[in-house]
C-alpha atoms as a PDB file:
ATOM      1  CA  MET A   1     140.933 -52.058 -89.621  1.00  0.00           C
ATOM      2  CA  LYS A   2     144.774 -52.214 -88.633  1.00  0.00           C
ATOM      3  CA  PHE A   3     147.838 -54.585 -88.698  1.00  0.00           C
ATOM      4  CA  THR A   4     148.539 -55.261 -85.178  1.00  0.00           C
ATOM      5  CA  ASN A   5     151.424 -57.717 -84.099  1.00  0.00           C
ATOM      6  CA  ARG A   6     151.525 -58.857 -87.566  1.00  0.00           C
ATOM      7  CA  ILE A   7     147.914 -60.043 -87.474  1.00  0.00           C
ATOM      8  CA  PHE A   8     145.161 -58.555 -89.868  1.00  0.00           C
ATOM      9  CA  ILE A   9     142.303 -57.480 -87.645  1.00  0.00           C
ATOM     10  CA  VAL A  10     138.781 -56.729 -89.158  1.00  0.00           C
ATOM     11  CA  ASP A  11     135.750 -55.508 -87.410  1.00  0.00           C
ATOM     12  CA  GLU A  12     133.173 -58.369 -87.947  1.00  0.00           C
ATOM     13  CA  PHE A  13     130.301 -55.605 -87.304  1.00  0.00           C
ATOM     14  CA  ILE A  14     131.434 -53.185 -89.970  1.00  0.00           C
ATOM     15  CA  CYS A  15     128.985 -52.410 -92.582  1.00  0.00           C
ATOM     16  CA  GLU A  16     129.770 -53.985 -95.975  1.00  0.00           C
ATOM     17  CA  GLU A  17     130.549 -50.738 -97.759  1.00  0.00           C
ATOM     18  CA  ARG A  18     133.363 -49.847 -95.274  1.00  0.00           C
ATOM     19  CA  ARG A  19     135.153 -52.871 -94.708  1.00  0.00           C
ATOM     20  CA  LYS A  20     138.282 -53.313 -96.088  1.00  0.00           C
ATOM     21  CA  TYR A  21     139.996 -56.626 -97.204  1.00  0.00           C
ATOM     22  CA  LEU A  22     143.856 -57.348 -97.772  1.00  0.00           C
ATOM     23  CA  VAL A  23     143.838 -58.422-101.439  1.00  0.00           C
ATOM     24  CA  VAL A  24     146.827 -60.296-102.872  1.00  0.00           C
ATOM     25  CA  VAL A  25     147.521 -60.587-106.438  1.00  0.00           C
ATOM     26  CA  ILE A  26     150.549 -62.644-108.119  1.00  0.00           C
ATOM     27  CA  TYR A  27     150.790 -63.213-111.556  1.00  0.00           C
ATOM     28  CA  ASP A  28     152.941 -64.702-114.278  1.00  0.00           C
ATOM     29  CA  ILE A  29     153.108 -62.890-117.649  1.00  0.00           C
ATOM     30  CA  ALA A  30     155.060 -63.905-120.438  1.00  0.00           C
ATOM     31  CA  ASP A  31     154.774 -60.892-122.570  1.00  0.00           C
ATOM     32  CA  ASP A  32     157.467 -57.941-121.130  1.00  0.00           C
ATOM     33  CA  LYS A  33     154.745 -55.398-122.486  1.00  0.00           C
ATOM     34  CA  ARG A  34     151.999 -56.944-121.084  1.00  0.00           C
ATOM     35  CA  ARG A  35     153.572 -57.540-117.776  1.00  0.00           C
ATOM     36  CA  VAL A  36     154.565 -53.712-117.536  1.00  0.00           C
ATOM     37  CA  ALA A  37     151.223 -52.616-118.242  1.00  0.00           C
ATOM     38  CA  PHE A  38     149.710 -55.168-115.740  1.00  0.00           C
ATOM     39  CA  ALA A  39     152.202 -53.783-112.837  1.00  0.00           C
ATOM     40  CA  LYS A  40     151.611 -50.132-113.563  1.00  0.00           C
ATOM     41  CA  TYR A  41     147.918 -51.449-113.434  1.00  0.00           C
ATOM     42  CA  LEU A  42     148.116 -52.955-109.650  1.00  0.00           C
ATOM     43  CA  GLN A  43     149.985 -50.018-108.578  1.00  0.00           C
ATOM     44  CA  GLY A  44     147.050 -48.288-108.385  1.00  0.00           C
ATOM     45  CA  PHE A  45     145.675 -50.367-105.955  1.00  0.00           C
ATOM     46  CA  GLY A  46     148.671 -51.777-103.856  1.00  0.00           C
ATOM     47  CA  VAL A  47     152.217 -52.223-103.199  1.00  0.00           C
ATOM     48  CA  ARG A  48     154.588 -54.547-105.055  1.00  0.00           C
ATOM     49  CA  VAL A  49     155.950 -56.795-102.418  1.00  0.00           C
ATOM     50  CA  GLN A  50     158.050 -59.192-104.906  1.00  0.00           C
ATOM     51  CA  ARG A  51     158.315 -58.832-108.576  1.00  0.00           C
ATOM     52  CA  SER A  52     155.057 -60.488-109.178  1.00  0.00           C
ATOM     53  CA  ALA A  53     153.463 -59.956-106.236  1.00  0.00           C
ATOM     54  CA  PHE A  54     151.189 -57.231-104.829  1.00  0.00           C
ATOM     55  CA  GLU A  55     149.296 -56.744-101.581  1.00  0.00           C
ATOM     56  CA  CYS A  56     146.482 -54.119-101.441  1.00  0.00           C
ATOM     57  CA  ILE A  57     144.262 -52.798 -99.009  1.00  0.00           C
ATOM     58  CA  LEU A  58     140.489 -52.190-100.681  1.00  0.00           C
ATOM     59  CA  PRO A  59     137.204 -51.561-100.043  1.00  0.00           C
ATOM     60  CA  SER A  60     134.414 -53.810-101.679  1.00  0.00           C
ATOM     61  CA  SER A  61     134.039 -51.105-104.374  1.00  0.00           C
ATOM     62  CA  LYS A  62     137.999 -51.050-105.272  1.00  0.00           C
ATOM     63  CA  TYR A  63     138.437 -54.763-105.294  1.00  0.00           C
ATOM     64  CA  GLU A  64     135.457 -55.212-107.650  1.00  0.00           C
ATOM     65  CA  LYS A  65     137.115 -52.401-110.132  1.00  0.00           C
ATOM     66  CA  LEU A  66     140.456 -54.303-109.645  1.00  0.00           C
ATOM     67  CA  ILE A  67     138.657 -57.615-110.795  1.00  0.00           C
ATOM     68  CA  LYS A  68     136.860 -56.056-113.530  1.00  0.00           C
ATOM     69  CA  GLY A  69     140.231 -54.624-115.114  1.00  0.00           C
ATOM     70  CA  ILE A  70     142.202 -57.653-115.103  1.00  0.00           C
ATOM     71  CA  PRO A  71     140.844 -59.350-117.921  1.00  0.00           C
ATOM     72  CA  LYS A  72     141.350 -56.471-120.265  1.00  0.00           C
ATOM     73  CA  LEU A  73     145.150 -56.473-119.520  1.00  0.00           C
ATOM     74  CA  ILE A  74     146.135 -60.305-120.123  1.00  0.00           C
ATOM     75  CA  SER A  75     145.922 -63.061-122.434  1.00  0.00           C
ATOM     76  CA  SER A  76     145.155 -66.602-122.598  1.00  0.00           C
ATOM     77  CA  GLU A  77     148.853 -67.587-121.607  1.00  0.00           C
ATOM     78  CA  ASP A  78     149.166 -65.585-118.711  1.00  0.00           C
ATOM     79  CA  GLN A  79     148.414 -66.643-115.064  1.00  0.00           C
ATOM     80  CA  VAL A  80     147.013 -64.150-112.296  1.00  0.00           C
ATOM     81  CA  ARG A  81     145.575 -65.401-109.074  1.00  0.00           C
ATOM     82  CA  VAL A  82     143.933 -63.114-106.617  1.00  0.00           C
ATOM     83  CA  TYR A  83     143.608 -63.670-102.772  1.00  0.00           C
ATOM     84  CA  LYS A  84     140.668 -61.848-100.801  1.00  0.00           C
ATOM     85  CA  LEU A  85     141.656 -62.330 -97.326  1.00  0.00           C
ATOM     86  CA  THR A  86     138.953 -61.575 -94.642  1.00  0.00           C
ATOM     87  CA  SER A  87     139.611 -61.354 -90.764  1.00  0.00           C
ATOM     88  CA  ASN A  88     142.266 -62.647 -88.885  1.00  0.00           C
ATOM     89  CA  ALA A  89     145.004 -63.625 -91.797  1.00  0.00           C
ATOM     90  CA  ASP A  90     148.019 -63.762 -90.117  1.00  0.00           C
ATOM     91  CA  ILE A  91     151.004 -62.258 -92.178  1.00  0.00           C
ATOM     92  CA  LYS A  92     154.754 -63.204 -91.724  1.00  0.00           C
ATOM     93  CA  ALA A  93     157.437 -61.586 -93.828  1.00  0.00           C
ATOM     94  CA  TRP A  94     161.007 -61.794 -94.040  1.00  0.00           C
ATOM     95  CA  GLY A  95     163.188 -59.696 -96.537  1.00  0.00           C
ATOM     96  CA  SER A  96     163.301 -55.895 -96.946  1.00  0.00           C
ATOM     97  CA  VAL A  97     159.783 -55.523 -97.958  1.00  0.00           C
ATOM     98  CA  ASP A  98     157.856 -53.809 -94.611  1.00  0.00           C
ATOM     99  CA  LEU A  99     153.889 -55.381 -94.236  1.00  0.00           C
ATOM    100  CA  ILE A 100     151.772 -52.630 -95.394  1.00  0.00           C
ATOM    101  CA  GLU A 101     149.520 -50.586 -93.049  1.00  0.00           C
ATOM    102  CA  GLU A 102     146.642 -48.406 -93.244  1.00  0.00           C
ATOM    103  CA  ASN A 103     146.685 -44.947 -92.249  1.00  0.00           C
ATOM    104  CA  GLU A 104     143.871 -43.410 -91.086  1.00  0.00           C
ATOM    105  CA  VAL A 105     143.523 -39.607 -91.703  1.00  0.00           C
ATOM    106  CA  ILE A 106     141.443 -37.602 -89.525  1.00  0.00           C
ATOM    107  CA  ILE A 107     140.284 -34.269 -90.841  1.00  0.00           C
ATOM    108  CA  ILE A 108     139.472 -31.411 -88.380  1.00  0.00           C
END
């Protein structure tokens, strides 16, 4: 998976265990303490791109871990939306936040 020309490209033939997804999390949490704890939780998965928005590149296992932890950190008055984007998601961004890229690591 890579970002090329601001287009999220995923090989459709990659097995599910190795496939990664662009995940966008947006939230509106009223309580300051819960909001700070939620943002710290999301920092373990991705990059903050706005005050209440994170972008993450995750394999299915980490995505499931992210989803499982959310209910423990919020209350019924809070709002959280998670978008799991697959294949050719076209991303356009303006402002000071760069698009996230996955770095490939090669161990020799």
